[in-house]
Amino acid sequence: MVDISSYLPERTIKRLRCVESGTCVLLDPNPPDWKRAEITAPRELAATDVELLSQLLLDPDSWYRCKKRCLPSETAIFSLEAISGKVNVFIDMSCAGWRVLKPSHAQSSAFFDPVYQEVRSILQRTFPELASPHSRALWKQGVIHDLCQKARQSGHDDTQGL
């Protein structure tokens, strides 16, 4: 059996084991000038979702390494807080990929196909007013486009400080 340390460094594993809270922000899937752009304010994750996301990240069976033919597009950023620091997880729902920023600003990335539905459910529970009632769609039709337009008009800043 593969150990989680083959995906994440010990320091990140320790942080994920002690996560106390978390937030999520949605991103423009096609940002102008390819700069990361937030389209929502950060939203607190429910305690049960913080625990679930930490468990998923710490489970080596959640990590899936393969080659895919899809264009990555970041959907959201989960920021998980522990006493020892933050762990940022960039989510790409179009390719079912995640990228974990480590304390040293290095990163681990893979696909999360085995836990796609769980990650999707966390996003939908965090933003229930945007969630699609249809099983094939993550968000209601047109809602992401509208949020992107609103963010661009308001000059919403990018998240390069993450």
Protein backbone atom coordinates (compact mmCIF):
# COMPACT_ATOMS: atom_id res chain seq x y z
CA MET A 1 0.00 0.00 0.00
CA VAL A 2 1.20 3.49 -0.87
CA ASP A 3 1.87 5.82 2.06
CA ILE A 4 0.65 9.43 2.02
CA SER A 5 4.26 10.57 2.49
CA SER A 6 4.86 9.58 -1.14
CA TYR A 7 2.54 12.49 -2.06
CA LEU A 8 2.99 15.03 0.72
CA PRO A 9 5.94 16.07 2.90
CA GLU A 10 5.78 15.37 6.64
CA ARG A 11 5.29 19.04 7.50
CA THR A 12 2.16 19.25 5.35
CA ILE A 13 0.87 15.95 6.74
CA LYS A 14 1.27 17.28 10.29
CA ARG A 15 -0.64 20.44 9.41
CA LEU A 16 -3.46 18.48 7.77
CA ARG A 17 -3.78 16.28 10.87
CA CYS A 18 -4.31 19.37 13.03
CA VAL A 19 -6.57 21.49 10.81
CA GLU A 20 -8.99 23.55 12.88
CA SER A 21 -10.84 25.59 10.27
CA GLY A 22 -10.99 26.37 6.59
CA THR A 23 -12.32 28.67 3.93
CA CYS A 24 -13.11 28.36 0.26
CA VAL A 25 -13.09 30.91 -2.52
CA LEU A 26 -14.24 30.34 -6.09
CA LEU A 27 -12.00 31.35 -8.99
CA ASP A 28 -12.58 32.66 -12.48
CA PRO A 29 -12.05 29.58 -14.69
CA ASN A 30 -10.82 31.78 -17.58
CA PRO A 31 -9.19 34.79 -15.95
CA PRO A 32 -8.01 37.71 -18.05
CA ASP A 33 -4.26 37.68 -18.62
CA TRP A 34 -4.16 34.22 -16.97
CA LYS A 35 -3.87 35.82 -13.52
CA ARG A 36 -5.71 34.00 -10.76
CA ALA A 37 -8.89 35.93 -9.96
CA GLU A 38 -11.31 35.35 -7.09
CA ILE A 39 -15.00 35.65 -7.96
CA THR A 40 -16.39 35.18 -4.44
CA ALA A 41 -15.39 36.29 -1.00
CA PRO A 42 -13.84 33.57 1.16
CA ARG A 43 -16.52 31.45 2.80
CA GLU A 44 -16.10 29.43 5.98
CA LEU A 45 -16.21 25.66 5.57
CA ALA A 46 -18.43 23.66 7.90
CA ALA A 47 -16.42 21.82 10.57
CA THR A 48 -17.52 18.48 9.10
CA ASP A 49 -16.27 19.53 5.64
CA VAL A 50 -12.93 20.69 7.06
CA GLU A 51 -12.53 17.27 8.67
CA LEU A 52 -13.65 15.44 5.52
CA LEU A 53 -11.32 17.40 3.23
CA SER A 54 -8.38 16.78 5.58
CA GLN A 55 -9.18 13.06 5.65
CA LEU A 56 -9.41 12.93 1.85
CA LEU A 57 -6.07 14.71 1.45
CA LEU A 58 -4.42 12.37 3.95
CA ASP A 59 -5.76 9.21 2.30
CA PRO A 60 -3.33 7.92 -0.36
CA ASP A 61 -6.26 6.19 -2.09
CA SER A 62 -7.69 9.65 -2.87
CA TRP A 63 -4.66 10.51 -4.99
CA TYR A 64 -4.75 9.34 -8.59
CA ARG A 65 -1.77 9.64 -10.90
CA CYS A 66 -2.34 9.31 -14.61
CA LYS A 67 -2.20 11.25 -17.85
CA LYS A 68 -5.38 13.00 -18.92
CA ARG A 69 -6.42 14.87 -22.00
CA CYS A 70 -8.10 17.88 -20.50
CA LEU A 71 -7.26 21.53 -20.09
CA PRO A 72 -6.81 22.44 -16.43
CA SER A 73 -8.86 25.27 -15.05
CA GLU A 74 -8.72 26.17 -11.36
CA THR A 75 -12.18 26.21 -9.83
CA ALA A 76 -11.56 26.99 -6.17
CA ILE A 77 -9.02 27.36 -3.39
CA PHE A 78 -9.49 25.67 -0.05
CA SER A 79 -7.40 27.27 2.70
CA LEU A 80 -7.08 24.98 5.69
CA GLU A 81 -5.81 26.50 8.95
CA ALA A 82 -3.85 24.67 11.63
CA ILE A 83 -1.94 26.09 14.59
CA SER A 84 1.30 25.41 12.72
CA GLY A 85 0.14 27.25 9.57
CA LYS A 86 -1.99 27.12 6.46
CA VAL A 87 -2.34 24.54 3.71
CA ASN A 88 -3.78 25.81 0.41
CA VAL A 89 -5.44 23.35 -1.93
CA PHE A 90 -6.20 24.45 -5.49
CA ILE A 91 -9.10 22.54 -7.02
CA ASP A 92 -9.61 21.92 -10.74
CA MET A 93 -13.04 20.36 -11.16
CA SER A 94 -12.82 20.18 -14.97
CA CYS A 95 -9.94 17.68 -14.78
CA ALA A 96 -10.63 16.45 -11.20
CA GLY A 97 -7.21 17.64 -10.11
CA TRP A 98 -5.84 19.15 -6.94
CA ARG A 99 -2.63 20.96 -6.17
CA VAL A 100 -1.47 21.26 -2.57
CA LEU A 101 0.87 24.11 -1.76
CA LYS A 102 3.37 22.99 0.82
CA PRO A 103 4.89 25.22 3.50
CA SER A 104 8.03 25.64 1.39
CA HIS A 105 5.90 26.91 -1.56
CA ALA A 106 6.63 23.65 -3.38
CA GLN A 107 3.59 21.72 -4.50
CA SER A 108 2.10 18.27 -4.88
CA SER A 109 -0.48 17.61 -7.50
CA ALA A 110 -2.52 14.69 -8.75
CA PHE A 111 -6.05 13.86 -9.74
CA PHE A 112 -8.77 13.07 -7.22
CA ASP A 113 -11.03 10.87 -9.36
CA PRO A 114 -11.64 8.38 -6.50
CA VAL A 115 -13.15 11.14 -4.32
CA TYR A 116 -14.56 13.46 -6.99
CA GLN A 117 -18.11 13.33 -5.62
CA GLU A 118 -16.95 14.17 -2.08
CA VAL A 119 -14.94 17.21 -3.23
CA ARG A 120 -17.83 18.33 -5.41
CA SER A 121 -20.24 17.99 -2.47
CA ILE A 122 -18.01 20.11 -0.23
CA LEU A 123 -18.02 22.88 -2.85
CA GLN A 124 -21.78 22.68 -3.27
CA ARG A 125 -22.44 22.69 0.49
CA THR A 126 -20.16 25.71 0.89
CA PHE A 127 -21.95 27.65 -1.87
CA PRO A 128 -25.48 26.16 -1.78
CA GLU A 129 -27.12 29.12 -3.52
CA LEU A 130 -24.87 28.49 -6.57
CA ALA A 131 -25.14 24.70 -6.62
CA SER A 132 -26.92 22.99 -9.48
CA PRO A 133 -29.74 20.60 -8.61
CA HIS A 134 -28.69 18.48 -11.62
CA SER A 135 -26.20 15.66 -11.13
CA ARG A 136 -24.22 16.52 -14.28
CA ALA A 137 -23.59 20.18 -13.39
CA LEU A 138 -21.62 21.61 -10.49
CA TRP A 139 -23.18 25.09 -10.59
CA LYS A 140 -26.45 26.57 -11.80
CA GLN A 141 -26.37 27.57 -15.45
CA GLY A 142 -24.76 30.98 -16.00
CA VAL A 143 -23.93 31.67 -12.35
CA ILE A 144 -20.14 31.42 -12.73
CA HIS A 145 -20.22 33.64 -15.82
CA ASP A 146 -22.24 36.23 -13.89
CA LEU A 147 -19.83 36.12 -10.92
CA CYS A 148 -16.84 36.50 -13.27
CA GLN A 149 -18.42 39.50 -14.98
CA LYS A 150 -19.23 41.12 -11.64
CA ALA A 151 -15.70 40.51 -10.32
CA ARG A 152 -14.12 41.96 -13.49
CA GLN A 153 -16.32 45.04 -13.32
CA SER A 154 -15.45 45.65 -9.67
CA GLY A 155 -11.73 45.19 -10.38
CA HIS A 156 -11.48 42.27 -7.95
CA ASP A 157 -7.84 41.65 -7.07
CA ASP A 158 -5.97 38.40 -7.76
CA THR A 159 -4.72 36.04 -5.06
CA GLN A 160 -0.99 36.06 -5.77
CA GLY A 161 -0.29 36.33 -2.03
CA LEU A 162 -1.32 32.71 -1.46
